[in-house]
């Protein structure tokens, strides 16, 4: 897993308000995308997360300025089986 995040937050303030969320499937089997716009207490927010071999693994990128944030992710909808080192089948 790679997780890079930088943020500056307003001290003593903890807010979150979802503005809009879009989502859908991709051309690839079991891969989905999501774009979310929201408000929070961050003055600046930058994040990049790349995951594999875990539940809903994928790539996530976020950017925020003065409390208005956008996050985009492409992820796998399956769950990872730690014991057998493979995707779970249902």
PDB file of N, CA and C in Angstrom:
ATOM      1  N   UNK A   1       0.844  -1.180   0.000  1.00  0.00           N
ATOM      2  CA  UNK A   1       0.000   0.000   0.000  1.00  0.00           C
ATOM      3  C   UNK A   1       0.886   1.238   0.000  1.00  0.00           C
ATOM      4  N   UNK A   2       0.511   2.200  -0.809  1.00  0.00           N
ATOM      5  CA  UNK A   2       1.156   3.511  -0.824  1.00  0.00           C
ATOM      6  C   UNK A   2       0.108   4.518  -0.388  1.00  0.00           C
ATOM      7  N   UNK A   3       0.447   5.331   0.604  1.00  0.00           N
ATOM      8  CA  UNK A   3      -0.487   6.338   1.101  1.00  0.00           C
ATOM      9  C   UNK A   3       0.286   7.631   1.334  1.00  0.00           C
ATOM     10  N   UNK A   4       0.043   8.616   0.486  1.00  0.00           N
ATOM     11  CA  UNK A   4       0.683   9.923   0.614  1.00  0.00           C
ATOM     12  C   UNK A   4      -0.414  10.939   0.859  1.00  0.00           C
ATOM     13  N   UNK A   5      -0.293  11.675   1.966  1.00  0.00           N
ATOM     14  CA  UNK A   5      -1.320  12.663   2.283  1.00  0.00           C
ATOM     15  C   UNK A   5      -0.685  13.882   2.925  1.00  0.00           C
ATOM     16  N   UNK A   6      -1.156  15.051   2.506  1.00  0.00           N
ATOM     17  CA  UNK A   6      -0.747  16.316   3.094  1.00  0.00           C
ATOM     18  C   UNK A   6      -2.007  17.146   3.289  1.00  0.00           C
ATOM     19  N   UNK A   7      -2.202  17.611   4.529  1.00  0.00           N
ATOM     20  CA  UNK A   7      -3.341  18.500   4.746  1.00  0.00           C
ATOM     21  C   UNK A   7      -3.056  19.477   5.865  1.00  0.00           C
ATOM     22  N   UNK A   8      -3.669  20.629   5.747  1.00  0.00           N
ATOM     23  CA  UNK A   8      -3.662  21.648   6.798  1.00  0.00           C
ATOM     24  C   UNK A   8      -5.115  21.881   7.146  1.00  0.00           C
ATOM     25  N   UNK A   9      -5.434  21.693   8.413  1.00  0.00           N
ATOM     26  CA  UNK A   9      -6.818  21.745   8.862  1.00  0.00           C
ATOM     27  C   UNK A   9      -7.026  22.921   9.813  1.00  0.00           C
ATOM     28  N   UNK A  10      -8.214  23.486   9.805  1.00  0.00           N
ATOM     29  CA  UNK A  10      -8.571  24.555  10.743  1.00  0.00           C
ATOM     30  C   UNK A  10      -8.624  23.952  12.141  1.00  0.00           C
ATOM     31  N   UNK A  11      -7.824  24.461  13.091  1.00  0.00           N
ATOM     32  CA  UNK A  11      -7.804  23.885  14.447  1.00  0.00           C
ATOM     33  C   UNK A  11      -9.157  24.028  15.147  1.00  0.00           C
ATOM     34  N   UNK A  12      -9.571  22.986  15.833  1.00  0.00           N
ATOM     35  CA  UNK A  12     -10.790  23.012  16.626  1.00  0.00           C
ATOM     36  C   UNK A  12     -12.069  22.915  15.827  1.00  0.00           C
ATOM     37  N   UNK A  13     -11.952  22.678  14.544  1.00  0.00           N
ATOM     38  CA  UNK A  13     -13.154  22.584  13.712  1.00  0.00           C
ATOM     39  C   UNK A  13     -13.204  21.211  13.059  1.00  0.00           C
ATOM     40  N   UNK A  14     -14.349  20.567  13.173  1.00  0.00           N
ATOM     41  CA  UNK A  14     -14.510  19.226  12.624  1.00  0.00           C
ATOM     42  C   UNK A  14     -15.850  19.152  11.911  1.00  0.00           C
ATOM     43  N   UNK A  15     -15.832  19.413  10.604  1.00  0.00           N
ATOM     44  CA  UNK A  15     -17.087  19.372   9.864  1.00  0.00           C
ATOM     45  C   UNK A  15     -16.928  18.472   8.638  1.00  0.00           C
ATOM     46  N   UNK A  16     -18.041  17.964   8.184  1.00  0.00           N
ATOM     47  CA  UNK A  16     -18.077  17.189   6.950  1.00  0.00           C
ATOM     48  C   UNK A  16     -19.480  17.293   6.367  1.00  0.00           C
ATOM     49  N   UNK A  17     -19.550  17.652   5.099  1.00  0.00           N
ATOM     50  CA  UNK A  17     -20.841  17.711   4.422  1.00  0.00           C
ATOM     51  C   UNK A  17     -20.656  17.221   2.989  1.00  0.00           C
ATOM     52  N   UNK A  18     -21.334  16.149   2.661  1.00  0.00           N
ATOM     53  CA  UNK A  18     -21.286  15.612   1.317  1.00  0.00           C
ATOM     54  C   UNK A  18     -22.101  16.507   0.390  1.00  0.00           C
ATOM     55  N   UNK A  19     -21.516  16.916  -0.717  1.00  0.00           N
ATOM     56  CA  UNK A  19     -22.214  17.750  -1.679  1.00  0.00           C
ATOM     57  C   UNK A  19     -22.799  16.907  -2.802  1.00  0.00           C
ATOM     58  N   UNK A  20     -21.969  16.061  -3.395  1.00  0.00           N
ATOM     59  CA  UNK A  20     -22.430  15.228  -4.510  1.00  0.00           C
ATOM     60  C   UNK A  20     -21.502  14.037  -4.683  1.00  0.00           C
ATOM     61  N   UNK A  21     -22.057  12.937  -5.117  1.00  0.00           N
ATOM     62  CA  UNK A  21     -21.280  11.724  -5.371  1.00  0.00           C
ATOM     63  C   UNK A  21     -21.793  11.064  -6.645  1.00  0.00           C
ATOM     64  N   UNK A  22     -20.887  10.767  -7.573  1.00  0.00           N
ATOM     65  CA  UNK A  22     -21.196  10.038  -8.794  1.00  0.00           C
ATOM     66  C   UNK A  22     -20.423   8.731  -8.764  1.00  0.00           C
ATOM     67  N   UNK A  23     -20.984   7.685  -9.351  1.00  0.00           N
ATOM     68  CA  UNK A  23     -20.294   6.397  -9.369  1.00  0.00           C
ATOM     69  C   UNK A  23     -20.800   5.564 -10.521  1.00  0.00           C
ATOM     70  N   UNK A  24     -20.015   4.562 -10.895  1.00  0.00           N
ATOM     71  CA  UNK A  24     -20.432   3.691 -11.986  1.00  0.00           C
ATOM     72  C   UNK A  24     -19.426   2.584 -12.227  1.00  0.00           C
ATOM     73  N   UNK A  25     -19.715   1.761 -13.188  1.00  0.00           N
ATOM     74  CA  UNK A  25     -18.815   0.658 -13.522  1.00  0.00           C
ATOM     75  C   UNK A  25     -17.890   1.083 -14.660  1.00  0.00           C
ATOM     76  N   UNK A  26     -16.787   0.335 -14.814  1.00  0.00           N
ATOM     77  CA  UNK A  26     -15.836   0.593 -15.892  1.00  0.00           C
ATOM     78  C   UNK A  26     -15.991  -0.485 -16.958  1.00  0.00           C
ATOM     79  N   UNK A  27     -15.154  -0.436 -17.951  1.00  0.00           N
ATOM     80  CA  UNK A  27     -15.149  -1.455 -18.992  1.00  0.00           C
ATOM     81  C   UNK A  27     -14.548  -2.771 -18.503  1.00  0.00           C
ATOM     82  N   UNK A  28     -13.877  -2.717 -17.359  1.00  0.00           N
ATOM     83  CA  UNK A  28     -13.222  -3.889 -16.801  1.00  0.00           C
ATOM     84  C   UNK A  28     -14.129  -4.584 -15.794  1.00  0.00           C
ATOM     85  N   UNK A  29     -14.091  -5.895 -15.793  1.00  0.00           N
ATOM     86  CA  UNK A  29     -14.924  -6.670 -14.870  1.00  0.00           C
ATOM     87  C   UNK A  29     -14.521  -6.395 -13.421  1.00  0.00           C
ATOM     88  N   UNK A  30     -15.508  -6.173 -12.561  1.00  0.00           N
ATOM     89  CA  UNK A  30     -15.346  -5.949 -11.125  1.00  0.00           C
ATOM     90  C   UNK A  30     -14.627  -4.643 -10.753  1.00  0.00           C
ATOM     91  N   UNK A  31     -14.477  -3.732 -11.714  1.00  0.00           N
ATOM     92  CA  UNK A  31     -13.838  -2.443 -11.437  1.00  0.00           C
ATOM     93  C   UNK A  31     -14.885  -1.337 -11.524  1.00  0.00           C
ATOM     94  N   UNK A  32     -14.864  -0.462 -10.538  1.00  0.00           N
ATOM     95  CA  UNK A  32     -15.840   0.620 -10.454  1.00  0.00           C
ATOM     96  C   UNK A  32     -15.125   1.940 -10.190  1.00  0.00           C
ATOM     97  N   UNK A  33     -15.804   3.039 -10.433  1.00  0.00           N
ATOM     98  CA  UNK A  33     -15.253   4.363 -10.187  1.00  0.00           C
ATOM     99  C   UNK A  33     -16.211   5.171  -9.319  1.00  0.00           C
ATOM    100  N   UNK A  34     -15.652   6.180  -8.663  1.00  0.00           N
ATOM    101  CA  UNK A  34     -16.458   7.064  -7.818  1.00  0.00           C
ATOM    102  C   UNK A  34     -15.811   8.442  -7.784  1.00  0.00           C
ATOM    103  N   UNK A  35     -16.628   9.475  -7.910  1.00  0.00           N
ATOM    104  CA  UNK A  35     -16.189  10.859  -7.766  1.00  0.00           C
ATOM    105  C   UNK A  35     -17.070  11.503  -6.720  1.00  0.00           C
ATOM    106  N   UNK A  36     -16.429  12.080  -5.697  1.00  0.00           N
ATOM    107  CA  UNK A  36     -17.167  12.677  -4.594  1.00  0.00           C
ATOM    108  C   UNK A  36     -16.699  14.109  -4.377  1.00  0.00           C
ATOM    109  N   UNK A  37     -17.655  15.023  -4.210  1.00  0.00           N
ATOM    110  CA  UNK A  37     -17.386  16.421  -3.879  1.00  0.00           C
ATOM    111  C   UNK A  37     -17.965  16.661  -2.488  1.00  0.00           C
ATOM    112  N   UNK A  38     -17.160  17.243  -1.591  1.00  0.00           N
ATOM    113  CA  UNK A  38     -17.627  17.471  -0.227  1.00  0.00           C
ATOM    114  C   UNK A  38     -16.918  18.654   0.411  1.00  0.00           C
ATOM    115  N   UNK A  39     -17.475  19.129   1.500  1.00  0.00           N
ATOM    116  CA  UNK A  39     -16.868  20.199   2.316  1.00  0.00           C
ATOM    117  C   UNK A  39     -16.387  19.609   3.632  1.00  0.00           C
ATOM    118  N   UNK A  40     -15.228  20.104   4.086  1.00  0.00           N
ATOM    119  CA  UNK A  40     -14.726  19.707   5.405  1.00  0.00           C
ATOM    120  C   UNK A  40     -13.896  20.842   5.996  1.00  0.00           C
ATOM    121  N   UNK A  41     -13.085  20.545   6.991  1.00  0.00           N
ATOM    122  CA  UNK A  41     -12.336  21.570   7.714  1.00  0.00           C
ATOM    123  C   UNK A  41     -10.915  21.773   7.195  1.00  0.00           C
ATOM    124  N   UNK A  42     -10.563  21.167   6.084  1.00  0.00           N
ATOM    125  CA  UNK A  42      -9.208  21.300   5.549  1.00  0.00           C
ATOM    126  C   UNK A  42      -9.043  22.599   4.766  1.00  0.00           C
ATOM    127  N   UNK A  43      -7.924  23.269   5.000  1.00  0.00           N
ATOM    128  CA  UNK A  43      -7.565  24.432   4.193  1.00  0.00           C
ATOM    129  C   UNK A  43      -6.919  23.945   2.900  1.00  0.00           C
ATOM    130  N   UNK A  44      -6.008  22.978   3.044  1.00  0.00           N
ATOM    131  CA  UNK A  44      -5.364  22.328   1.904  1.00  0.00           C
ATOM    132  C   UNK A  44      -5.399  20.826   2.143  1.00  0.00           C
ATOM    133  N   UNK A  45      -5.706  20.074   1.118  1.00  0.00           N
ATOM    134  CA  UNK A  45      -5.732  18.616   1.229  1.00  0.00           C
ATOM    135  C   UNK A  45      -5.260  18.003  -0.087  1.00  0.00           C
ATOM    136  N   UNK A  46      -4.216  17.197  -0.017  1.00  0.00           N
ATOM    137  CA  UNK A  46      -3.722  16.447  -1.156  1.00  0.00           C
ATOM    138  C   UNK A  46      -3.547  15.003  -0.709  1.00  0.00           C
ATOM    139  N   UNK A  47      -4.058  14.053  -1.488  1.00  0.00           N
ATOM    140  CA  UNK A  47      -3.860  12.657  -1.096  1.00  0.00           C
ATOM    141  C   UNK A  47      -3.772  11.762  -2.321  1.00  0.00           C
ATOM    142  N   UNK A  48      -2.972  10.725  -2.172  1.00  0.00           N
ATOM    143  CA  UNK A  48      -2.823   9.685  -3.171  1.00  0.00           C
ATOM    144  C   UNK A  48      -2.715   8.372  -2.420  1.00  0.00           C
ATOM    145  N   UNK A  49      -3.565   7.421  -2.768  1.00  0.00           N
ATOM    146  CA  UNK A  49      -3.552   6.110  -2.116  1.00  0.00           C
ATOM    147  C   UNK A  49      -3.636   5.025  -3.184  1.00  0.00           C
ATOM    148  N   UNK A  50      -2.699   4.100  -3.126  1.00  0.00           N
ATOM    149  CA  UNK A  50      -2.694   2.956  -4.033  1.00  0.00           C
ATOM    150  C   UNK A  50      -2.655   1.705  -3.169  1.00  0.00           C
ATOM    151  N   UNK A  51      -3.644   0.833  -3.341  1.00  0.00           N
ATOM    152  CA  UNK A  51      -3.722  -0.373  -2.527  1.00  0.00           C
ATOM    153  C   UNK A  51      -3.866  -1.605  -3.404  1.00  0.00           C
ATOM    154  N   UNK A  52      -3.423  -2.747  -2.866  1.00  0.00           N
ATOM    155  CA  UNK A  52      -3.597  -4.037  -3.522  1.00  0.00           C
ATOM    156  C   UNK A  52      -3.650  -5.117  -2.455  1.00  0.00           C
ATOM    157  N   UNK A  53      -4.196  -6.247  -2.801  1.00  0.00           N
ATOM    158  CA  UNK A  53      -4.337  -7.367  -1.870  1.00  0.00           C
ATOM    159  C   UNK A  53      -5.052  -6.961  -0.584  1.00  0.00           C
ATOM    160  N   UNK A  54      -6.134  -6.217  -0.731  1.00  0.00           N
ATOM    161  CA  UNK A  54      -6.995  -5.872   0.392  1.00  0.00           C
ATOM    162  C   UNK A  54      -8.391  -5.597  -0.156  1.00  0.00           C
ATOM    163  N   UNK A  55      -9.368  -5.492   0.733  1.00  0.00           N
ATOM    164  CA  UNK A  55     -10.743  -5.234   0.313  1.00  0.00           C
ATOM    165  C   UNK A  55     -10.823  -3.939  -0.479  1.00  0.00           C
ATOM    166  N   UNK A  56     -11.511  -3.976  -1.599  1.00  0.00           N
ATOM    167  CA  UNK A  56     -11.753  -2.806  -2.445  1.00  0.00           C
ATOM    168  C   UNK A  56     -10.465  -2.105  -2.850  1.00  0.00           C
ATOM    169  N   UNK A  57      -9.468  -2.870  -3.217  1.00  0.00           N
ATOM    170  CA  UNK A  57      -8.171  -2.323  -3.624  1.00  0.00           C
ATOM    171  C   UNK A  57      -8.306  -1.468  -4.877  1.00  0.00           C
ATOM    172  N   UNK A  58      -7.437  -0.453  -4.989  1.00  0.00           N
ATOM    173  CA  UNK A  58      -7.474   0.402  -6.161  1.00  0.00           C
ATOM    174  C   UNK A  58      -6.647   1.654  -5.981  1.00  0.00           C
ATOM    175  N   UNK A  59      -6.996   2.682  -6.738  1.00  0.00           N
ATOM    176  CA  UNK A  59      -6.285   3.959  -6.723  1.00  0.00           C
ATOM    177  C   UNK A  59      -7.257   5.062  -6.327  1.00  0.00           C
ATOM    178  N   UNK A  60      -6.790   5.944  -5.428  1.00  0.00           N
ATOM    179  CA  UNK A  60      -7.614   7.067  -4.982  1.00  0.00           C
ATOM    180  C   UNK A  60      -6.772   8.331  -5.031  1.00  0.00           C
ATOM    181  N   UNK A  61      -7.349   9.412  -5.561  1.00  0.00           N
ATOM    182  CA  UNK A  61      -6.676  10.702  -5.623  1.00  0.00           C
ATOM    183  C   UNK A  61      -7.631  11.766  -5.115  1.00  0.00           C
ATOM    184  N   UNK A  62      -7.125  12.648  -4.260  1.00  0.00           N
ATOM    185  CA  UNK A  62      -7.962  13.708  -3.712  1.00  0.00           C
ATOM    186  C   UNK A  62      -7.264  15.050  -3.723  1.00  0.00           C
ATOM    187  N   UNK A  63      -8.052  16.098  -3.879  1.00  0.00           N
ATOM    188  CA  UNK A  63      -7.542  17.461  -3.902  1.00  0.00           C
ATOM    189  C   UNK A  63      -8.563  18.358  -3.229  1.00  0.00           C
ATOM    190  N   UNK A  64      -8.087  19.210  -2.316  1.00  0.00           N
ATOM    191  CA  UNK A  64      -9.002  20.121  -1.628  1.00  0.00           C
ATOM    192  C   UNK A  64      -8.356  21.462  -1.354  1.00  0.00           C
ATOM    193  N   UNK A  65      -9.175  22.504  -1.391  1.00  0.00           N
ATOM    194  CA  UNK A  65      -8.690  23.843  -1.134  1.00  0.00           C
ATOM    195  C   UNK A  65      -9.789  24.646  -0.450  1.00  0.00           C
ATOM    196  N   UNK A  66      -9.462  25.232   0.699  1.00  0.00           N
ATOM    197  CA  UNK A  66     -10.396  26.056   1.480  1.00  0.00           C
ATOM    198  C   UNK A  66     -11.706  25.345   1.793  1.00  0.00           C
ATOM    199  N   UNK A  67     -11.598  24.065   2.142  1.00  0.00           N
ATOM    200  CA  UNK A  67     -12.766  23.322   2.595  1.00  0.00           C
ATOM    201  C   UNK A  67     -13.577  22.635   1.519  1.00  0.00           C
ATOM    202  N   UNK A  68     -13.279  22.898   0.259  1.00  0.00           N
ATOM    203  CA  UNK A  68     -13.983  22.239  -0.837  1.00  0.00           C
ATOM    204  C   UNK A  68     -13.061  21.161  -1.404  1.00  0.00           C
ATOM    205  N   UNK A  69     -13.517  19.909  -1.373  1.00  0.00           N
ATOM    206  CA  UNK A  69     -12.684  18.775  -1.748  1.00  0.00           C
ATOM    207  C   UNK A  69     -13.322  17.944  -2.847  1.00  0.00           C
ATOM    208  N   UNK A  70     -12.459  17.321  -3.647  1.00  0.00           N
ATOM    209  CA  UNK A  70     -12.884  16.361  -4.663  1.00  0.00           C
ATOM    210  C   UNK A  70     -12.003  15.129  -4.531  1.00  0.00           C
ATOM    211  N   UNK A  71     -12.617  13.959  -4.542  1.00  0.00           N
ATOM    212  CA  UNK A  71     -11.886  12.695  -4.492  1.00  0.00           C
ATOM    213  C   UNK A  71     -12.374  11.803  -5.619  1.00  0.00           C
ATOM    214  N   UNK A  72     -11.417  11.176  -6.297  1.00  0.00           N
ATOM    215  CA  UNK A  72     -11.730  10.248  -7.367  1.00  0.00           C
ATOM    216  C   UNK A  72     -11.044   8.923  -7.070  1.00  0.00           C
ATOM    217  N   UNK A  73     -11.765   7.830  -7.279  1.00  0.00           N
ATOM    218  CA  UNK A  73     -11.154   6.522  -7.067  1.00  0.00           C
ATOM    219  C   UNK A  73     -11.667   5.499  -8.065  1.00  0.00           C
ATOM    220  N   UNK A  74     -10.781   4.575  -8.392  1.00  0.00           N
ATOM    221  CA  UNK A  74     -11.118   3.394  -9.171  1.00  0.00           C
ATOM    222  C   UNK A  74     -10.773   2.216  -8.283  1.00  0.00           C
ATOM    223  N   UNK A  75     -11.714   1.307  -8.072  1.00  0.00           N
ATOM    224  CA  UNK A  75     -11.502   0.241  -7.110  1.00  0.00           C
ATOM    225  C   UNK A  75     -12.114  -1.070  -7.581  1.00  0.00           C
ATOM    226  N   UNK A  76     -11.681  -2.138  -6.956  1.00  0.00           N
ATOM    227  CA  UNK A  76     -12.193  -3.478  -7.207  1.00  0.00           C
ATOM    228  C   UNK A  76     -13.288  -3.740  -6.173  1.00  0.00           C
ATOM    229  N   UNK A  77     -14.407  -4.323  -6.587  1.00  0.00           N
ATOM    230  CA  UNK A  77     -15.506  -4.513  -5.635  1.00  0.00           C
ATOM    231  C   UNK A  77     -15.380  -5.801  -4.815  1.00  0.00           C
ATOM    232  N   UNK A  78     -14.314  -6.583  -5.032  1.00  0.00           N
ATOM    233  CA  UNK A  78     -14.158  -7.842  -4.295  1.00  0.00           C
ATOM    234  C   UNK A  78     -13.453  -7.640  -2.954  1.00  0.00           C
ATOM    235  N   UNK A  79     -13.529  -8.667  -2.120  1.00  0.00           N
ATOM    236  CA  UNK A  79     -12.833  -8.690  -0.835  1.00  0.00           C
ATOM    237  C   UNK A  79     -11.659  -9.652  -0.913  1.00  0.00           C
ATOM    238  N   UNK A  80     -10.591  -9.351  -0.178  1.00  0.00           N
ATOM    239  CA  UNK A  80      -9.370 -10.138  -0.197  1.00  0.00           C
ATOM    240  C   UNK A  80      -9.377 -11.162   0.935  1.00  0.00           C
ATOM    241  N   UNK A  81      -9.023 -12.388   0.632  1.00  0.00           N
ATOM    242  CA  UNK A  81      -8.927 -13.466   1.619  1.00  0.00           C
ATOM    243  C   UNK A  81      -7.480 -13.551   2.095  1.00  0.00           C
ATOM    244  N   UNK A  82      -7.198 -13.067   3.301  1.00  0.00           N
ATOM    245  CA  UNK A  82      -5.835 -13.033   3.840  1.00  0.00           C
ATOM    246  C   UNK A  82      -5.248 -14.426   4.035  1.00  0.00           C
ATOM    247  N   UNK A  83      -6.054 -15.374   4.466  1.00  0.00           N
ATOM    248  CA  UNK A  83      -5.564 -16.725   4.741  1.00  0.00           C
ATOM    249  C   UNK A  83      -5.113 -17.451   3.488  1.00  0.00           C
ATOM    250  N   UNK A  84      -5.880 -17.308   2.406  1.00  0.00           N
ATOM    251  CA  UNK A  84      -5.585 -18.040   1.178  1.00  0.00           C
ATOM    252  C   UNK A  84      -4.865 -17.186   0.121  1.00  0.00           C
ATOM    253  N   UNK A  85      -4.600 -15.928   0.439  1.00  0.00           N
ATOM    254  CA  UNK A  85      -3.924 -15.019  -0.477  1.00  0.00           C
ATOM    255  C   UNK A  85      -4.576 -14.973  -1.868  1.00  0.00           C
ATOM    256  N   UNK A  86      -5.903 -14.780  -1.867  1.00  0.00           N
ATOM    257  CA  UNK A  86      -6.629 -14.665  -3.131  1.00  0.00           C
ATOM    258  C   UNK A  86      -7.930 -13.905  -2.891  1.00  0.00           C
ATOM    259  N   UNK A  87      -8.586 -13.561  -3.990  1.00  0.00           N
ATOM    260  CA  UNK A  87      -9.874 -12.882  -3.870  1.00  0.00           C
ATOM    261  C   UNK A  87     -10.929 -13.864  -3.384  1.00  0.00           C
ATOM    262  N   UNK A  88     -11.788 -13.413  -2.501  1.00  0.00           N
ATOM    263  CA  UNK A  88     -12.882 -14.267  -2.008  1.00  0.00           C
ATOM    264  C   UNK A  88     -13.910 -14.467  -3.107  1.00  0.00           C
ATOM    265  N   UNK A  89     -14.471 -15.664  -3.141  1.00  0.00           N
ATOM    266  CA  UNK A  89     -15.550 -15.956  -4.078  1.00  0.00           C
ATOM    267  C   UNK A  89     -16.802 -16.234  -3.275  1.00  0.00           C
ATOM    268  N   UNK A  90     -17.903 -15.723  -3.724  1.00  0.00           N
ATOM    269  CA  UNK A  90     -19.164 -15.909  -3.006  1.00  0.00           C
ATOM    270  C   UNK A  90     -20.119 -16.690  -3.841  1.00  0.00           C
TER     271      UNK A  90
END
